[in-house]
Each structure stands twice: as structure tokens, then as C-alpha cells.
């Protein structure tokens, strides 16, 4: 669809970028079972797309390479987001380019993109933080994609302005890792939070700071899906400056010193690791929610609950 088509048809198109946890420290667990996190989150320039068009009813259609198995009823967070802002008439097209249950916030980013789209198409008001949290703990951070420190259960957001664009490769080995199972397998739940990010905008200093952090969910996720360790080993073997799992897995990222190095790595992994989803990307590209389309100018909170 071109920009002219979108204007003629009254359609509104929004990008839903992949969310990447550069760090993820589990710092505690509340009495109600919700886990407390401290995470540095950025967004990629690869993702899904939401298009909202005029309609006399509410309908969700799904296309794209990862459309199989994605629900088209109110089990889909996109329709729940529409209901939250009382949108009852819209034709919603979700182009699913990201793997599901992959630790990169696809469903939450889709819901956030839908909310941005209907603000433009239907003139609805923005959701409050509590309303956004009711949709999922990752939804608030996805509403205005950018580098952000996320703490609490996803209810504390602090913008981070000093992170440069990071050339990266995303890899998912094609296995779904249920978030609840990963949290239940986590033995230490009172880990230290992140120190302040005070390195300035130097690429090298940023990499050095990130290396001193961690994803506390990575070891239990590897127990659930050992192939994650194979992905990290493959990225390290390609010379990644840092490799780490995002979210609760199974998607991992590798950071590289240039877009060219990232592209060469992605090309090699696509040839040698058949069946893996591999994407060359830039994390924190500096465009905010601006669309990279040249033609156009987590998981719910209960998934973090574990009372064992």
C-alpha cells in the first residue's frame, strides 16, 4: 500500500517494532506473585505492521510469514486494545513479520501500534498507565518506542537518551519458550538492579556497560530450550561484541561494530542455520516511532506471576 492509497482509502498504517531487552534483572517478587524487573529496553527497525481502515464492523485479519496460529478473536491483544478504547468499527490488518512467543514483545507492540493508529483514525484518547498495564506489562513501554529503563512490574518508565544506534542481528531458533515456565524455573528472585547508565553516547562505553549487566532469565530459559545456548554460541562465533537473550526468550541478539558486519553475519547464519529466523537490524535507530517503510511518511502481567 502506498501513502496515496492510504489517504484515498482512509487507512492508517503504524509500525510495531520488535522490543529488545538489552538487560533484564529480576529484582524481587511481590506478595501477589508478580515479579519485579529492572530492564533496559530498546526497539528495532524490524517489526510487524498494523493497518486500520474504515469498516461497519470490527474485524481482524492477519497476514505475513508468522500469521499461522495467531488468534483472530479476542485472544489477540490487538482486539483487546481496540476494546479498551471502545473502538467497535474498524478493519484491522496485522502483518505478522515477527515470531510469536519470542521474547521481543510482538503482541504488546502490535497492541500499542493499534492504539496509536486508532488515535489517528478514530480520534480516541490515549490510555492511562493503569489502562495500558491492564492489557499487558509490556504495553506501556511500547506506546512510544524508544530507549527506556523499565522497572517495577512494567509500571515505571524512565527515558534513556545516551544510547547510540546499535548494529545487531536477531536470531530465533524456532522454539516457543512459555514465559511462566521460565519464571518458575528462576531460583534467585532478589538479584541486584542495574547501576545507573551514565556512559554518555560512546558506542564502546555502551558495549562495556552492557557487558557488565545480565538477563537473569537466560539461564532458566536455556534449561527449557537448550538451543538458545547454540544461538548464543553461533553469534559469538561470528564475532559479536555482545550476545544475549531478549526477554524470556528464545530470541537472542548479537551486537556488532558496524552494519556491514551485522549484515555479513546475518547472511551467513541464514545459509548455515536453516529453520532459524535471522534478521539484521539496528537497535535504537534514533527514529522513535517513525516508520522505516519508504512508502509511508509481553506478555500480559499474569505471565510474570508465580506463587511457588
C-alpha atoms as a PDB file:
ATOM      1  CA  UNK A   1       0.000   0.000   0.000  1.00  0.00           C
ATOM      2  CA  UNK A   2       1.388   3.412  -0.937  1.00  0.00           C
ATOM      3  CA  UNK A   3       0.942   6.606   1.062  1.00  0.00           C
ATOM      4  CA  UNK A   4      -1.509   7.854  -1.598  1.00  0.00           C
ATOM      5  CA  UNK A   5      -3.569   4.665  -1.313  1.00  0.00           C
ATOM      6  CA  UNK A   6      -3.693   5.048   2.456  1.00  0.00           C
ATOM      7  CA  UNK A   7      -5.041   8.597   2.121  1.00  0.00           C
ATOM      8  CA  UNK A   8      -7.631   7.674  -0.526  1.00  0.00           C
ATOM      9  CA  UNK A   9      -8.942   4.687   1.389  1.00  0.00           C
ATOM     10  CA  UNK A  10      -8.866   6.393   4.775  1.00  0.00           C
ATOM     11  CA  UNK A  11      -6.429   3.801   6.098  1.00  0.00           C
ATOM     12  CA  UNK A  12      -3.913   4.459   8.855  1.00  0.00           C
ATOM     13  CA  UNK A  13      -0.735   2.394   8.990  1.00  0.00           C
ATOM     14  CA  UNK A  14       1.521   2.002  12.046  1.00  0.00           C
ATOM     15  CA  UNK A  15       4.809   0.197  12.567  1.00  0.00           C
ATOM     16  CA  UNK A  16       5.077  -2.210  15.526  1.00  0.00           C
ATOM     17  CA  UNK A  17       8.807  -2.585  16.159  1.00  0.00           C
ATOM     18  CA  UNK A  18      10.405  -5.520  17.922  1.00  0.00           C
ATOM     19  CA  UNK A  19      11.169  -4.791  21.575  1.00  0.00           C
ATOM     20  CA  UNK A  20      14.606  -5.899  22.775  1.00  0.00           C
ATOM     21  CA  UNK A  21      15.662  -6.246  26.400  1.00  0.00           C
ATOM     22  CA  UNK A  22      19.347  -5.340  26.326  1.00  0.00           C
ATOM     23  CA  UNK A  23      19.358  -6.191  30.032  1.00  0.00           C
ATOM     24  CA  UNK A  24      16.823  -7.854  32.306  1.00  0.00           C
ATOM     25  CA  UNK A  25      17.453  -8.025  36.037  1.00  0.00           C
ATOM     26  CA  UNK A  26      14.849  -9.779  38.185  1.00  0.00           C
ATOM     27  CA  UNK A  27      14.985  -7.853  41.464  1.00  0.00           C
ATOM     28  CA  UNK A  28      12.179  -9.372  43.523  1.00  0.00           C
ATOM     29  CA  UNK A  29       8.729 -10.843  43.715  1.00  0.00           C
ATOM     30  CA  UNK A  30       5.674  -9.220  45.240  1.00  0.00           C
ATOM     31  CA  UNK A  31       3.307 -10.975  47.582  1.00  0.00           C
ATOM     32  CA  UNK A  32       0.742 -11.287  44.803  1.00  0.00           C
ATOM     33  CA  UNK A  33       3.225 -13.241  42.671  1.00  0.00           C
ATOM     34  CA  UNK A  34       4.231 -10.509  40.218  1.00  0.00           C
ATOM     35  CA  UNK A  35       7.949 -10.284  39.533  1.00  0.00           C
ATOM     36  CA  UNK A  36       9.844  -7.006  39.849  1.00  0.00           C
ATOM     37  CA  UNK A  37      12.187  -6.224  36.982  1.00  0.00           C
ATOM     38  CA  UNK A  38      14.866  -3.702  36.072  1.00  0.00           C
ATOM     39  CA  UNK A  39      15.450  -3.704  32.317  1.00  0.00           C
ATOM     40  CA  UNK A  40      16.995  -1.530  29.632  1.00  0.00           C
ATOM     41  CA  UNK A  41      14.705  -1.755  26.615  1.00  0.00           C
ATOM     42  CA  UNK A  42      15.269  -0.551  23.065  1.00  0.00           C
ATOM     43  CA  UNK A  43      13.395  -1.107  19.815  1.00  0.00           C
ATOM     44  CA  UNK A  44      14.481  -2.447  16.437  1.00  0.00           C
ATOM     45  CA  UNK A  45      13.823  -1.262  12.899  1.00  0.00           C
ATOM     46  CA  UNK A  46      12.206  -4.628  12.082  1.00  0.00           C
ATOM     47  CA  UNK A  47       8.693  -5.481  13.188  1.00  0.00           C
ATOM     48  CA  UNK A  48       5.042  -6.014  12.409  1.00  0.00           C
ATOM     49  CA  UNK A  49       2.593  -3.619  10.762  1.00  0.00           C
ATOM     50  CA  UNK A  50      -0.908  -2.546  11.739  1.00  0.00           C
ATOM     51  CA  UNK A  51      -3.280  -1.014   9.180  1.00  0.00           C
ATOM     52  CA  UNK A  52      -6.664   0.330  10.298  1.00  0.00           C
ATOM     53  CA  UNK A  53      -9.294   1.011   7.621  1.00  0.00           C
ATOM     54  CA  UNK A  54     -12.926   2.202   7.808  1.00  0.00           C
ATOM     55  CA  UNK A  55     -15.486  -0.546   8.310  1.00  0.00           C
ATOM     56  CA  UNK A  56     -19.036  -1.019   9.548  1.00  0.00           C
ATOM     57  CA  UNK A  57     -17.890  -3.732  11.951  1.00  0.00           C
ATOM     58  CA  UNK A  58     -14.785  -4.758  13.863  1.00  0.00           C
ATOM     59  CA  UNK A  59     -12.640  -7.279  12.044  1.00  0.00           C
ATOM     60  CA  UNK A  60      -9.075  -8.510  12.431  1.00  0.00           C
ATOM     61  CA  UNK A  61      -7.196 -10.078   9.526  1.00  0.00           C
ATOM     62  CA  UNK A  62      -3.667 -11.435   9.802  1.00  0.00           C
ATOM     63  CA  UNK A  63      -1.087 -11.882   7.049  1.00  0.00           C
ATOM     64  CA  UNK A  64       2.672 -12.234   6.941  1.00  0.00           C
ATOM     65  CA  UNK A  65       5.214 -15.015   7.372  1.00  0.00           C
ATOM     66  CA  UNK A  66       4.267 -15.647  11.014  1.00  0.00           C
ATOM     67  CA  UNK A  67       0.477 -15.439  10.719  1.00  0.00           C
ATOM     68  CA  UNK A  68      -0.099 -19.163  11.317  1.00  0.00           C
ATOM     69  CA  UNK A  69      -1.657 -19.861  14.685  1.00  0.00           C
ATOM     70  CA  UNK A  70      -2.141 -16.214  15.639  1.00  0.00           C
ATOM     71  CA  UNK A  71      -5.688 -15.837  17.037  1.00  0.00           C
ATOM     72  CA  UNK A  72      -8.168 -13.576  15.251  1.00  0.00           C
ATOM     73  CA  UNK A  73     -10.577 -13.371  18.195  1.00  0.00           C
ATOM     74  CA  UNK A  74     -10.268 -11.521  21.493  1.00  0.00           C
ATOM     75  CA  UNK A  75      -7.438 -13.820  22.459  1.00  0.00           C
ATOM     76  CA  UNK A  76      -5.416 -11.423  20.315  1.00  0.00           C
ATOM     77  CA  UNK A  77      -4.094  -8.417  22.221  1.00  0.00           C
ATOM     78  CA  UNK A  78      -4.841  -6.158  19.245  1.00  0.00           C
ATOM     79  CA  UNK A  79      -8.593  -6.692  19.609  1.00  0.00           C
ATOM     80  CA  UNK A  80      -8.358  -6.324  23.378  1.00  0.00           C
ATOM     81  CA  UNK A  81      -6.631  -2.982  22.822  1.00  0.00           C
ATOM     82  CA  UNK A  82      -9.415  -1.908  20.453  1.00  0.00           C
ATOM     83  CA  UNK A  83     -11.996  -2.829  23.089  1.00  0.00           C
ATOM     84  CA  UNK A  84     -10.090  -0.880  25.746  1.00  0.00           C
ATOM     85  CA  UNK A  85     -10.622   2.347  23.775  1.00  0.00           C
ATOM     86  CA  UNK A  86     -14.177   1.423  22.704  1.00  0.00           C
ATOM     87  CA  UNK A  87     -13.368   1.025  19.009  1.00  0.00           C
ATOM     88  CA  UNK A  88     -16.196  -1.113  17.613  1.00  0.00           C
ATOM     89  CA  UNK A  89     -15.913  -0.427  13.875  1.00  0.00           C
ATOM     90  CA  UNK A  90     -12.614  -0.924  12.076  1.00  0.00           C
ATOM     91  CA  UNK A  91     -10.979  -3.264   9.616  1.00  0.00           C
ATOM     92  CA  UNK A  92      -7.645  -4.154  11.213  1.00  0.00           C
ATOM     93  CA  UNK A  93      -4.907  -5.796   9.191  1.00  0.00           C
ATOM     94  CA  UNK A  94      -1.975  -7.211  11.156  1.00  0.00           C
ATOM     95  CA  UNK A  95       1.085  -8.071   9.082  1.00  0.00           C
ATOM     96  CA  UNK A  96       2.959 -10.537  11.279  1.00  0.00           C
ATOM     97  CA  UNK A  97       6.673 -10.417  10.471  1.00  0.00           C
ATOM     98  CA  UNK A  98       7.951 -11.317  13.950  1.00  0.00           C
ATOM     99  CA  UNK A  99       7.840 -14.778  15.501  1.00  0.00           C
ATOM    100  CA  UNK A 100       5.365 -15.176  18.365  1.00  0.00           C
ATOM    101  CA  UNK A 101       6.227 -16.039  21.980  1.00  0.00           C
ATOM    102  CA  UNK A 102       9.757 -14.956  21.161  1.00  0.00           C
ATOM    103  CA  UNK A 103      10.748 -12.533  23.935  1.00  0.00           C
ATOM    104  CA  UNK A 104      10.579  -9.482  21.671  1.00  0.00           C
ATOM    105  CA  UNK A 105       7.183  -8.099  22.668  1.00  0.00           C
ATOM    106  CA  UNK A 106       5.450  -8.737  19.351  1.00  0.00           C
ATOM    107  CA  UNK A 107       1.910  -8.887  20.710  1.00  0.00           C
ATOM    108  CA  UNK A 108       2.411  -5.916  23.015  1.00  0.00           C
ATOM    109  CA  UNK A 109       3.992  -3.848  20.260  1.00  0.00           C
ATOM    110  CA  UNK A 110       1.105  -4.783  17.940  1.00  0.00           C
ATOM    111  CA  UNK A 111      -1.409  -3.621  20.558  1.00  0.00           C
ATOM    112  CA  UNK A 112       0.488  -0.372  21.087  1.00  0.00           C
ATOM    113  CA  UNK A 113       0.606   0.241  17.330  1.00  0.00           C
ATOM    114  CA  UNK A 114      -3.150  -0.339  17.158  1.00  0.00           C
ATOM    115  CA  UNK A 115      -3.665   2.248  19.908  1.00  0.00           C
ATOM    116  CA  UNK A 116      -1.530   4.774  18.011  1.00  0.00           C
ATOM    117  CA  UNK A 117      -3.410   4.019  14.800  1.00  0.00           C
ATOM    118  CA  UNK A 118      -6.901   4.489  16.264  1.00  0.00           C
ATOM    119  CA  UNK A 119      -5.849   7.747  17.882  1.00  0.00           C
ATOM    120  CA  UNK A 120      -5.291   8.966  14.316  1.00  0.00           C
ATOM    121  CA  UNK A 121      -8.190   7.175  12.633  1.00  0.00           C
ATOM    122  CA  UNK A 122     -10.863   7.416  15.334  1.00  0.00           C
ATOM    123  CA  UNK A 123      -9.635  10.310  17.458  1.00  0.00           C
ATOM    124  CA  UNK A 124      -9.654   8.256  20.656  1.00  0.00           C
ATOM    125  CA  UNK A 125      -7.814   9.427  23.740  1.00  0.00           C
ATOM    126  CA  UNK A 126      -4.603   7.871  24.954  1.00  0.00           C
ATOM    127  CA  UNK A 127      -4.827   5.185  27.624  1.00  0.00           C
ATOM    128  CA  UNK A 128      -3.692   5.892  31.169  1.00  0.00           C
ATOM    129  CA  UNK A 129      -0.754   3.905  32.532  1.00  0.00           C
ATOM    130  CA  UNK A 130      -3.123   1.702  34.552  1.00  0.00           C
ATOM    131  CA  UNK A 131      -5.277   1.032  31.488  1.00  0.00           C
ATOM    132  CA  UNK A 132      -2.237   0.171  29.378  1.00  0.00           C
ATOM    133  CA  UNK A 133      -0.913  -2.129  32.106  1.00  0.00           C
ATOM    134  CA  UNK A 134      -4.240  -3.947  32.184  1.00  0.00           C
ATOM    135  CA  UNK A 135      -3.501  -5.077  28.622  1.00  0.00           C
ATOM    136  CA  UNK A 136      -0.020  -6.336  29.467  1.00  0.00           C
ATOM    137  CA  UNK A 137       3.103  -5.362  31.329  1.00  0.00           C
ATOM    138  CA  UNK A 138       4.987  -4.653  28.084  1.00  0.00           C
ATOM    139  CA  UNK A 139       2.308  -2.446  26.519  1.00  0.00           C
ATOM    140  CA  UNK A 140       3.196   0.882  28.268  1.00  0.00           C
ATOM    141  CA  UNK A 141       6.824   0.742  27.125  1.00  0.00           C
ATOM    142  CA  UNK A 142       5.700   0.028  23.551  1.00  0.00           C
ATOM    143  CA  UNK A 143       3.346   3.006  23.273  1.00  0.00           C
ATOM    144  CA  UNK A 144       6.165   5.407  22.355  1.00  0.00           C
ATOM    145  CA  UNK A 145       9.070   3.197  21.283  1.00  0.00           C
ATOM    146  CA  UNK A 146      12.473   4.447  22.360  1.00  0.00           C
ATOM    147  CA  UNK A 147      15.249   3.589  24.780  1.00  0.00           C
ATOM    148  CA  UNK A 148      13.722   3.244  28.230  1.00  0.00           C
ATOM    149  CA  UNK A 149      14.606   1.842  31.625  1.00  0.00           C
ATOM    150  CA  UNK A 150      11.674  -0.248  32.813  1.00  0.00           C
ATOM    151  CA  UNK A 151      11.266  -1.235  36.440  1.00  0.00           C
ATOM    152  CA  UNK A 152       8.619  -2.463  38.839  1.00  0.00           C
ATOM    153  CA  UNK A 153       6.172  -4.726  37.003  1.00  0.00           C
ATOM    154  CA  UNK A 154       6.474  -2.547  33.909  1.00  0.00           C
ATOM    155  CA  UNK A 155       4.833   0.487  35.529  1.00  0.00           C
ATOM    156  CA  UNK A 156       7.950   2.615  35.999  1.00  0.00           C
ATOM    157  CA  UNK A 157       9.391   4.056  32.801  1.00  0.00           C
ATOM    158  CA  UNK A 158      12.427   6.312  32.538  1.00  0.00           C
ATOM    159  CA  UNK A 159      13.656   7.515  29.167  1.00  0.00           C
ATOM    160  CA  UNK A 160      17.349   6.923  28.428  1.00  0.00           C
ATOM    161  CA  UNK A 161      18.853   9.401  25.997  1.00  0.00           C
ATOM    162  CA  UNK A 162      22.514   8.370  25.760  1.00  0.00           C
ATOM    163  CA  UNK A 163      22.368   5.058  23.900  1.00  0.00           C
ATOM    164  CA  UNK A 164      23.702   5.205  20.320  1.00  0.00           C
ATOM    165  CA  UNK A 165      22.274   3.161  17.452  1.00  0.00           C
ATOM    166  CA  UNK A 166      23.458  -0.436  17.778  1.00  0.00           C
ATOM    167  CA  UNK A 167      24.033  -2.635  14.692  1.00  0.00           C
ATOM    168  CA  UNK A 168      22.628  -6.040  15.554  1.00  0.00           C
ATOM    169  CA  UNK A 169      21.469  -9.439  14.400  1.00  0.00           C
ATOM    170  CA  UNK A 170      18.339 -11.027  15.861  1.00  0.00           C
ATOM    171  CA  UNK A 171      18.063 -14.815  15.862  1.00  0.00           C
ATOM    172  CA  UNK A 172      15.165 -17.021  16.914  1.00  0.00           C
ATOM    173  CA  UNK A 173      15.681 -20.794  16.656  1.00  0.00           C
ATOM    174  CA  UNK A 174      12.002 -21.516  16.091  1.00  0.00           C
ATOM    175  CA  UNK A 175      11.047 -22.673  19.565  1.00  0.00           C
ATOM    176  CA  UNK A 176       8.456 -21.053  21.823  1.00  0.00           C
ATOM    177  CA  UNK A 177       9.501 -20.614  25.451  1.00  0.00           C
ATOM    178  CA  UNK A 178       6.486 -20.023  27.755  1.00  0.00           C
ATOM    179  CA  UNK A 179       7.229 -17.039  29.979  1.00  0.00           C
ATOM    180  CA  UNK A 180       5.563 -18.554  33.033  1.00  0.00           C
ATOM    181  CA  UNK A 181       7.735 -21.661  32.887  1.00  0.00           C
ATOM    182  CA  UNK A 182      10.905 -19.588  32.661  1.00  0.00           C
ATOM    183  CA  UNK A 183       9.953 -17.529  35.722  1.00  0.00           C
ATOM    184  CA  UNK A 184       9.050 -20.675  37.676  1.00  0.00           C
ATOM    185  CA  UNK A 185      12.471 -22.131  36.870  1.00  0.00           C
ATOM    186  CA  UNK A 186      14.193 -18.998  38.177  1.00  0.00           C
ATOM    187  CA  UNK A 187      15.792 -19.816  41.521  1.00  0.00           C
ATOM    188  CA  UNK A 188      17.154 -16.395  42.571  1.00  0.00           C
ATOM    189  CA  UNK A 189      14.482 -13.702  42.500  1.00  0.00           C
ATOM    190  CA  UNK A 190      16.133 -10.969  44.580  1.00  0.00           C
ATOM    191  CA  UNK A 191      19.002 -10.033  42.280  1.00  0.00           C
ATOM    192  CA  UNK A 192      20.789  -6.663  42.196  1.00  0.00           C
ATOM    193  CA  UNK A 193      19.246  -3.945  39.981  1.00  0.00           C
ATOM    194  CA  UNK A 194      21.134  -2.222  37.202  1.00  0.00           C
ATOM    195  CA  UNK A 195      23.542   0.573  38.086  1.00  0.00           C
ATOM    196  CA  UNK A 196      22.788   3.974  36.528  1.00  0.00           C
ATOM    197  CA  UNK A 197      23.525   4.282  32.832  1.00  0.00           C
ATOM    198  CA  UNK A 198      25.992   7.185  32.810  1.00  0.00           C
ATOM    199  CA  UNK A 199      28.393   6.329  29.998  1.00  0.00           C
ATOM    200  CA  UNK A 200      27.346   9.040  27.585  1.00  0.00           C
ATOM    201  CA  UNK A 201      26.780   8.247  23.925  1.00  0.00           C
ATOM    202  CA  UNK A 202      30.073   6.446  23.175  1.00  0.00           C
ATOM    203  CA  UNK A 203      29.474   3.163  21.355  1.00  0.00           C
ATOM    204  CA  UNK A 204      32.397   1.471  23.094  1.00  0.00           C
ATOM    205  CA  UNK A 205      31.368   2.641  26.549  1.00  0.00           C
ATOM    206  CA  UNK A 206      27.815   1.472  25.904  1.00  0.00           C
ATOM    207  CA  UNK A 207      29.018  -2.003  24.943  1.00  0.00           C
ATOM    208  CA  UNK A 208      31.274  -2.101  28.007  1.00  0.00           C
ATOM    209  CA  UNK A 209      28.405  -1.142  30.310  1.00  0.00           C
ATOM    210  CA  UNK A 210      26.079  -3.700  28.742  1.00  0.00           C
ATOM    211  CA  UNK A 211      28.647  -6.472  29.194  1.00  0.00           C
ATOM    212  CA  UNK A 212      28.555  -5.880  32.954  1.00  0.00           C
ATOM    213  CA  UNK A 213      24.791  -6.414  33.048  1.00  0.00           C
ATOM    214  CA  UNK A 214      22.763  -9.592  32.544  1.00  0.00           C
ATOM    215  CA  UNK A 215      19.484 -11.239  31.652  1.00  0.00           C
ATOM    216  CA  UNK A 216      18.511 -13.219  34.741  1.00  0.00           C
ATOM    217  CA  UNK A 217      16.008 -15.216  32.690  1.00  0.00           C
ATOM    218  CA  UNK A 218      18.629 -16.515  30.272  1.00  0.00           C
ATOM    219  CA  UNK A 219      19.888 -19.483  32.373  1.00  0.00           C
ATOM    220  CA  UNK A 220      16.393 -20.854  33.176  1.00  0.00           C
ATOM    221  CA  UNK A 221      15.305 -20.320  29.581  1.00  0.00           C
ATOM    222  CA  UNK A 222      18.288 -22.346  28.360  1.00  0.00           C
ATOM    223  CA  UNK A 223      17.187 -25.146  30.694  1.00  0.00           C
ATOM    224  CA  UNK A 224      13.788 -25.067  28.969  1.00  0.00           C
ATOM    225  CA  UNK A 225      15.255 -24.731  25.469  1.00  0.00           C
ATOM    226  CA  UNK A 226      18.969 -25.674  25.207  1.00  0.00           C
ATOM    227  CA  UNK A 227      19.026 -24.487  21.593  1.00  0.00           C
ATOM    228  CA  UNK A 228      19.230 -20.921  22.970  1.00  0.00           C
ATOM    229  CA  UNK A 229      22.797 -21.677  24.034  1.00  0.00           C
ATOM    230  CA  UNK A 230      23.513 -22.783  20.464  1.00  0.00           C
ATOM    231  CA  UNK A 231      22.219 -19.459  19.148  1.00  0.00           C
ATOM    232  CA  UNK A 232      24.437 -17.500  21.534  1.00  0.00           C
ATOM    233  CA  UNK A 233      27.437 -19.639  20.563  1.00  0.00           C
ATOM    234  CA  UNK A 234      26.740 -19.007  16.876  1.00  0.00           C
ATOM    235  CA  UNK A 235      26.615 -15.246  17.430  1.00  0.00           C
ATOM    236  CA  UNK A 236      29.812 -15.312  19.466  1.00  0.00           C
ATOM    237  CA  UNK A 237      31.457 -17.353  16.723  1.00  0.00           C
ATOM    238  CA  UNK A 238      30.609 -14.584  14.264  1.00  0.00           C
ATOM    239  CA  UNK A 239      32.442 -12.033  16.385  1.00  0.00           C
ATOM    240  CA  UNK A 240      29.550 -10.410  18.212  1.00  0.00           C
ATOM    241  CA  UNK A 241      30.732  -7.792  20.703  1.00  0.00           C
ATOM    242  CA  UNK A 242      27.915  -8.956  22.963  1.00  0.00           C
ATOM    243  CA  UNK A 243      25.359 -11.724  22.658  1.00  0.00           C
ATOM    244  CA  UNK A 244      22.376 -12.116  24.966  1.00  0.00           C
ATOM    245  CA  UNK A 245      18.832 -13.409  25.067  1.00  0.00           C
ATOM    246  CA  UNK A 246      15.971 -10.889  24.933  1.00  0.00           C
ATOM    247  CA  UNK A 247      13.116 -11.063  27.415  1.00  0.00           C
ATOM    248  CA  UNK A 248      12.181 -14.610  28.358  1.00  0.00           C
ATOM    249  CA  UNK A 249      13.436 -15.972  25.024  1.00  0.00           C
ATOM    250  CA  UNK A 250      14.011 -17.592  22.733  1.00  0.00           C
ATOM    251  CA  UNK A 251      15.145 -14.673  20.521  1.00  0.00           C
ATOM    252  CA  UNK A 252      18.758 -13.636  21.038  1.00  0.00           C
ATOM    253  CA  UNK A 253      20.649 -10.607  19.791  1.00  0.00           C
ATOM    254  CA  UNK A 254      24.242 -10.051  18.824  1.00  0.00           C
ATOM    255  CA  UNK A 255      25.748  -6.552  18.731  1.00  0.00           C
ATOM    256  CA  UNK A 256      28.349  -5.679  16.100  1.00  0.00           C
ATOM    257  CA  UNK A 257      30.644  -2.756  15.405  1.00  0.00           C
ATOM    258  CA  UNK A 258      29.086  -1.933  12.026  1.00  0.00           C
ATOM    259  CA  UNK A 259      26.009  -2.527   9.921  1.00  0.00           C
ATOM    260  CA  UNK A 260      28.216  -4.275   7.374  1.00  0.00           C
ATOM    261  CA  UNK A 261      29.493  -6.789   9.951  1.00  0.00           C
ATOM    262  CA  UNK A 262      25.937  -7.415  11.121  1.00  0.00           C
ATOM    263  CA  UNK A 263      24.734  -7.949   7.545  1.00  0.00           C
ATOM    264  CA  UNK A 264      27.522 -10.421   6.763  1.00  0.00           C
ATOM    265  CA  UNK A 265      26.707 -12.345   9.942  1.00  0.00           C
ATOM    266  CA  UNK A 266      23.006 -12.436   9.128  1.00  0.00           C
ATOM    267  CA  UNK A 267      23.735 -13.675   5.610  1.00  0.00           C
ATOM    268  CA  UNK A 268      25.988 -16.482   6.891  1.00  0.00           C
ATOM    269  CA  UNK A 269      23.558 -17.590   9.606  1.00  0.00           C
ATOM    270  CA  UNK A 270      20.680 -17.696   7.118  1.00  0.00           C
ATOM    271  CA  UNK A 271      22.749 -20.048   4.961  1.00  0.00           C
ATOM    272  CA  UNK A 272      24.051 -22.282   7.749  1.00  0.00           C
ATOM    273  CA  UNK A 273      21.228 -22.310  10.309  1.00  0.00           C
ATOM    274  CA  UNK A 274      18.242 -23.415   8.250  1.00  0.00           C
ATOM    275  CA  UNK A 275      14.989 -23.065  10.161  1.00  0.00           C
ATOM    276  CA  UNK A 276      16.186 -20.188  12.324  1.00  0.00           C
ATOM    277  CA  UNK A 277      14.678 -16.724  11.931  1.00  0.00           C
ATOM    278  CA  UNK A 278      17.534 -14.298  11.347  1.00  0.00           C
ATOM    279  CA  UNK A 279      17.220 -10.532  10.881  1.00  0.00           C
ATOM    280  CA  UNK A 280      19.845  -7.851  10.517  1.00  0.00           C
ATOM    281  CA  UNK A 281      18.677  -4.721  12.285  1.00  0.00           C
ATOM    282  CA  UNK A 282      19.627  -1.536  14.071  1.00  0.00           C
ATOM    283  CA  UNK A 283      18.576  -1.273  17.687  1.00  0.00           C
ATOM    284  CA  UNK A 284      17.620   2.188  18.932  1.00  0.00           C
ATOM    285  CA  UNK A 285      17.858   3.626  15.406  1.00  0.00           C
ATOM    286  CA  UNK A 286      17.030   7.122  16.627  1.00  0.00           C
ATOM    287  CA  UNK A 287      13.744   7.447  14.721  1.00  0.00           C
ATOM    288  CA  UNK A 288      11.384   6.951  17.628  1.00  0.00           C
ATOM    289  CA  UNK A 289       8.190   5.523  16.169  1.00  0.00           C
ATOM    290  CA  UNK A 290       8.885   6.869  12.678  1.00  0.00           C
ATOM    291  CA  UNK A 291       8.151   4.266  10.033  1.00  0.00           C
ATOM    292  CA  UNK A 292      11.107   2.824   8.102  1.00  0.00           C
ATOM    293  CA  UNK A 293       8.726   1.967   5.244  1.00  0.00           C
ATOM    294  CA  UNK A 294       9.895   4.119   2.304  1.00  0.00           C
ATOM    295  CA  UNK A 295       6.303   4.380   1.051  1.00  0.00           C
ATOM    296  CA  UNK A 296       4.799   5.686   4.293  1.00  0.00           C
ATOM    297  CA  UNK A 297       5.950   9.452   5.540  1.00  0.00           C
ATOM    298  CA  UNK A 298       4.935  -9.251  26.889  1.00  0.00           C
ATOM    299  CA  UNK A 299       3.355 -10.552  27.721  1.00  0.00           C
ATOM    300  CA  UNK A 300       0.492  -9.957  30.000  1.00  0.00           C
ATOM    301  CA  UNK A 301       1.321  -9.233  33.647  1.00  0.00           C
ATOM    302  CA  UNK A 302      -0.076 -12.580  34.783  1.00  0.00           C
ATOM    303  CA  UNK A 303       2.635 -14.306  32.754  1.00  0.00           C
ATOM    304  CA  UNK A 304       5.073 -12.892  35.307  1.00  0.00           C
ATOM    305  CA  UNK A 305       3.112 -14.318  38.217  1.00  0.00           C
ATOM    306  CA  UNK A 306       4.454 -17.300  40.115  1.00  0.00           C
ATOM    307  CA  UNK A 307       3.369 -18.039  43.642  1.00  0.00           C
ATOM    308  CA  UNK A 308       5.624 -21.066  44.101  1.00  0.00           C
END
